[in-house]
Amino acid sequence: MKKFYGTGAYVQSVGVKNDLEVDGFCVAVCREIGVEIETHKAKSFDEMEAWGDDLSAYDLVVALSPASQRRALELTRFFHLDVDYWPIMDPTGLGESRAAKLDAYRQTRDQIVAKLIEHFGPPVE
């Protein structure tokens, strides 16, 4: 998001569960487009809530899986904010070879980029 639209918006990466490490294939395909996520840390919804990061402070939650959509709708049912579901392919477990796995991750990355542009418009310079 920051690569395409700068730092004018506050963005938080949250999931149904906290993955302790960023997937290496994800790191590789994001690096290809100039996005460094190697040290990225995502919180779970429960961690976010426990740390006092109130979802009502956000305008939009983008869910990339049905499970995250359900959890976001459950947590935001009393708040006035939008929850969008972007059906993005889950590349984990796809492909037999390293090249095939990278291709699957590239497809997912490109789907996310396309959704960002569709929703927020062309990237700013």
C-alpha atoms as a PDB file:
ATOM      1  CA  MET A   1       0.000   0.000   0.000  1.00  0.00           C
ATOM      2  CA  LYS A   2       2.759   2.458   0.952  1.00  0.00           C
ATOM      3  CA  LYS A   3       4.646   1.756  -2.289  1.00  0.00           C
ATOM      4  CA  PHE A   4       1.639   2.723  -4.388  1.00  0.00           C
ATOM      5  CA  TYR A   5      -0.050   5.395  -2.276  1.00  0.00           C
ATOM      6  CA  GLY A   6       2.509   6.742   0.173  1.00  0.00           C
ATOM      7  CA  THR A   7       2.143   7.119   3.902  1.00  0.00           C
ATOM      8  CA  GLY A   8      -0.920   9.378   3.978  1.00  0.00           C
ATOM      9  CA  ALA A   9      -3.119   6.540   5.213  1.00  0.00           C
ATOM     10  CA  TYR A  10      -2.592   4.417   8.309  1.00  0.00           C
ATOM     11  CA  VAL A  11      -2.495   0.754   7.326  1.00  0.00           C
ATOM     12  CA  GLN A  12      -2.320  -2.236   9.636  1.00  0.00           C
ATOM     13  CA  SER A  13      -1.792  -5.847   8.576  1.00  0.00           C
ATOM     14  CA  VAL A  14      -4.041  -8.137  10.574  1.00  0.00           C
ATOM     15  CA  GLY A  15      -5.123 -11.721  10.140  1.00  0.00           C
ATOM     16  CA  VAL A  16      -7.204 -14.389  11.774  1.00  0.00           C
ATOM     17  CA  LYS A  17      -4.013 -15.788  13.260  1.00  0.00           C
ATOM     18  CA  ASN A  18      -0.524 -14.410  13.658  1.00  0.00           C
ATOM     19  CA  ASP A  19       2.011 -16.020  11.370  1.00  0.00           C
ATOM     20  CA  LEU A  20       5.311 -15.783  13.181  1.00  0.00           C
ATOM     21  CA  GLU A  21       7.376 -15.303  10.020  1.00  0.00           C
ATOM     22  CA  VAL A  22       6.670 -13.859   6.611  1.00  0.00           C
ATOM     23  CA  ASP A  23       6.640 -16.565   3.951  1.00  0.00           C
ATOM     24  CA  GLY A  24       9.910 -16.595   1.968  1.00  0.00           C
ATOM     25  CA  PHE A  25       8.117 -16.892  -1.366  1.00  0.00           C
ATOM     26  CA  CYS A  26       6.076 -13.818  -0.443  1.00  0.00           C
ATOM     27  CA  VAL A  27       9.262 -11.928   0.399  1.00  0.00           C
ATOM     28  CA  ALA A  28      10.811 -12.912  -2.945  1.00  0.00           C
ATOM     29  CA  VAL A  29       7.900 -11.886  -5.181  1.00  0.00           C
ATOM     30  CA  CYS A  30       7.321  -8.615  -3.335  1.00  0.00           C
ATOM     31  CA  ARG A  31      11.003  -7.764  -3.650  1.00  0.00           C
ATOM     32  CA  GLU A  32      10.598  -8.167  -7.433  1.00  0.00           C
ATOM     33  CA  ILE A  33       8.349  -5.087  -7.453  1.00  0.00           C
ATOM     34  CA  GLY A  34      10.417  -3.121  -4.944  1.00  0.00           C
ATOM     35  CA  VAL A  35       8.436  -3.926  -1.807  1.00  0.00           C
ATOM     36  CA  GLU A  36      10.505  -5.104   1.160  1.00  0.00           C
ATOM     37  CA  ILE A  37       8.439  -7.164   3.622  1.00  0.00           C
ATOM     38  CA  GLU A  38      11.134  -9.332   5.155  1.00  0.00           C
ATOM     39  CA  THR A  39      10.741  -7.723   8.599  1.00  0.00           C
ATOM     40  CA  HIS A  40       6.968  -7.264   8.317  1.00  0.00           C
ATOM     41  CA  LYS A  41       4.929  -8.437  11.297  1.00  0.00           C
ATOM     42  CA  ALA A  42       1.220  -9.085  11.066  1.00  0.00           C
ATOM     43  CA  LYS A  43      -0.986  -9.090  14.149  1.00  0.00           C
ATOM     44  CA  SER A  44      -3.951 -11.320  14.740  1.00  0.00           C
ATOM     45  CA  PHE A  45      -7.323  -9.697  15.362  1.00  0.00           C
ATOM     46  CA  ASP A  46      -7.078 -10.867  18.983  1.00  0.00           C
ATOM     47  CA  GLU A  47      -3.632  -9.258  19.426  1.00  0.00           C
ATOM     48  CA  MET A  48      -4.860  -6.049  17.887  1.00  0.00           C
ATOM     49  CA  GLU A  49      -7.806  -5.960  20.261  1.00  0.00           C
ATOM     50  CA  ALA A  50      -5.634  -6.845  23.290  1.00  0.00           C
ATOM     51  CA  TRP A  51      -3.176  -4.041  22.456  1.00  0.00           C
ATOM     52  CA  GLY A  52      -6.015  -1.528  22.353  1.00  0.00           C
ATOM     53  CA  ASP A  53      -5.897  -0.911  18.598  1.00  0.00           C
ATOM     54  CA  ASP A  54      -9.600  -0.260  18.142  1.00  0.00           C
ATOM     55  CA  LEU A  55     -11.081  -1.287  14.799  1.00  0.00           C
ATOM     56  CA  SER A  56     -13.567   1.576  15.058  1.00  0.00           C
ATOM     57  CA  ALA A  57     -10.681   3.959  14.286  1.00  0.00           C
ATOM     58  CA  TYR A  58     -10.431   2.565  10.752  1.00  0.00           C
ATOM     59  CA  ASP A  59     -12.526   3.417   7.703  1.00  0.00           C
ATOM     60  CA  LEU A  60     -12.017   0.164   5.836  1.00  0.00           C
ATOM     61  CA  VAL A  61     -11.100  -3.438   6.528  1.00  0.00           C
ATOM     62  CA  VAL A  62     -10.036  -5.489   3.516  1.00  0.00           C
ATOM     63  CA  ALA A  63     -10.393  -9.228   4.057  1.00  0.00           C
ATOM     64  CA  LEU A  64      -8.453 -11.571   1.805  1.00  0.00           C
ATOM     65  CA  SER A  65     -10.040 -14.809   3.016  1.00  0.00           C
ATOM     66  CA  PRO A  66     -13.549 -15.858   4.013  1.00  0.00           C
ATOM     67  CA  ALA A  67     -12.288 -16.546   7.557  1.00  0.00           C
ATOM     68  CA  SER A  68     -10.857 -13.040   7.935  1.00  0.00           C
ATOM     69  CA  GLN A  69     -14.030 -11.548   6.478  1.00  0.00           C
ATOM     70  CA  ARG A  70     -16.171 -13.388   9.050  1.00  0.00           C
ATOM     71  CA  ARG A  71     -13.897 -12.308  11.912  1.00  0.00           C
ATOM     72  CA  ALA A  72     -13.791  -8.685  10.722  1.00  0.00           C
ATOM     73  CA  LEU A  73     -17.598  -8.551  10.379  1.00  0.00           C
ATOM     74  CA  GLU A  74     -17.974 -10.066  13.848  1.00  0.00           C
ATOM     75  CA  LEU A  75     -15.615  -7.498  15.401  1.00  0.00           C
ATOM     76  CA  THR A  76     -17.020  -4.495  13.537  1.00  0.00           C
ATOM     77  CA  ARG A  77     -20.759  -5.119  13.689  1.00  0.00           C
ATOM     78  CA  PHE A  78     -21.244  -2.126  16.024  1.00  0.00           C
ATOM     79  CA  PHE A  79     -18.922   0.252  14.143  1.00  0.00           C
ATOM     80  CA  HIS A  80     -19.527   2.350  11.071  1.00  0.00           C
ATOM     81  CA  LEU A  81     -16.821   1.103   8.731  1.00  0.00           C
ATOM     82  CA  ASP A  82     -16.687  -0.892   5.551  1.00  0.00           C
ATOM     83  CA  VAL A  83     -15.526  -4.496   5.353  1.00  0.00           C
ATOM     84  CA  ASP A  84     -14.593  -5.479   1.800  1.00  0.00           C
ATOM     85  CA  TYR A  85     -13.815  -9.026   0.766  1.00  0.00           C
ATOM     86  CA  TRP A  86     -11.266  -9.427  -2.005  1.00  0.00           C
ATOM     87  CA  PRO A  87     -11.254 -13.087  -3.130  1.00  0.00           C
ATOM     88  CA  ILE A  88      -7.530 -13.527  -3.623  1.00  0.00           C
ATOM     89  CA  MET A  89      -5.951 -16.870  -4.490  1.00  0.00           C
ATOM     90  CA  ASP A  90      -4.085 -18.519  -1.600  1.00  0.00           C
ATOM     91  CA  PRO A  91      -0.765 -19.650  -3.113  1.00  0.00           C
ATOM     92  CA  THR A  92       0.383 -21.770  -0.173  1.00  0.00           C
ATOM     93  CA  GLY A  93       0.611 -25.391  -1.175  1.00  0.00           C
ATOM     94  CA  LEU A  94       0.449 -24.662  -4.908  1.00  0.00           C
ATOM     95  CA  GLY A  95       3.163 -25.732  -7.331  1.00  0.00           C
ATOM     96  CA  GLU A  96       5.579 -28.615  -7.195  1.00  0.00           C
ATOM     97  CA  SER A  97       8.824 -26.876  -8.076  1.00  0.00           C
ATOM     98  CA  ARG A  98      10.311 -23.645  -6.727  1.00  0.00           C
ATOM     99  CA  ALA A  99       9.559 -21.936 -10.057  1.00  0.00           C
ATOM    100  CA  ALA A 100       5.926 -23.097  -9.983  1.00  0.00           C
ATOM    101  CA  LYS A 101       5.528 -21.914  -6.380  1.00  0.00           C
ATOM    102  CA  LEU A 102       6.992 -18.513  -7.234  1.00  0.00           C
ATOM    103  CA  ASP A 103       4.607 -18.260 -10.183  1.00  0.00           C
ATOM    104  CA  ALA A 104       1.626 -18.939  -7.899  1.00  0.00           C
ATOM    105  CA  TYR A 105       2.825 -16.268  -5.453  1.00  0.00           C
ATOM    106  CA  ARG A 106       3.307 -13.811  -8.331  1.00  0.00           C
ATOM    107  CA  GLN A 107      -0.279 -14.428  -9.436  1.00  0.00           C
ATOM    108  CA  THR A 108      -1.500 -13.675  -5.917  1.00  0.00           C
ATOM    109  CA  ARG A 109       0.689 -10.561  -5.665  1.00  0.00           C
ATOM    110  CA  ASP A 110      -0.623  -9.347  -9.011  1.00  0.00           C
ATOM    111  CA  GLN A 111      -4.231  -9.970  -7.935  1.00  0.00           C
ATOM    112  CA  ILE A 112      -3.670  -7.818  -4.844  1.00  0.00           C
ATOM    113  CA  VAL A 113      -2.040  -5.049  -6.889  1.00  0.00           C
ATOM    114  CA  ALA A 114      -4.967  -5.119  -9.345  1.00  0.00           C
ATOM    115  CA  LYS A 115      -7.468  -4.868  -6.476  1.00  0.00           C
ATOM    116  CA  LEU A 116      -5.556  -1.946  -4.943  1.00  0.00           C
ATOM    117  CA  ILE A 117      -5.649  -0.083  -8.254  1.00  0.00           C
ATOM    118  CA  GLU A 118      -9.315  -0.947  -8.807  1.00  0.00           C
ATOM    119  CA  HIS A 119     -10.257   0.334  -5.347  1.00  0.00           C
ATOM    120  CA  PHE A 120      -7.862   3.248  -4.782  1.00  0.00           C
ATOM    121  CA  GLY A 121      -6.961   4.270  -8.327  1.00  0.00           C
ATOM    122  CA  PRO A 122      -3.606   4.444 -10.081  1.00  0.00           C
ATOM    123  CA  PRO A 123      -0.490   4.598  -7.901  1.00  0.00           C
ATOM    124  CA  VAL A 124       0.733   8.066  -7.010  1.00  0.00           C
ATOM    125  CA  GLU A 125       4.231   9.112  -7.990  1.00  0.00           C
END
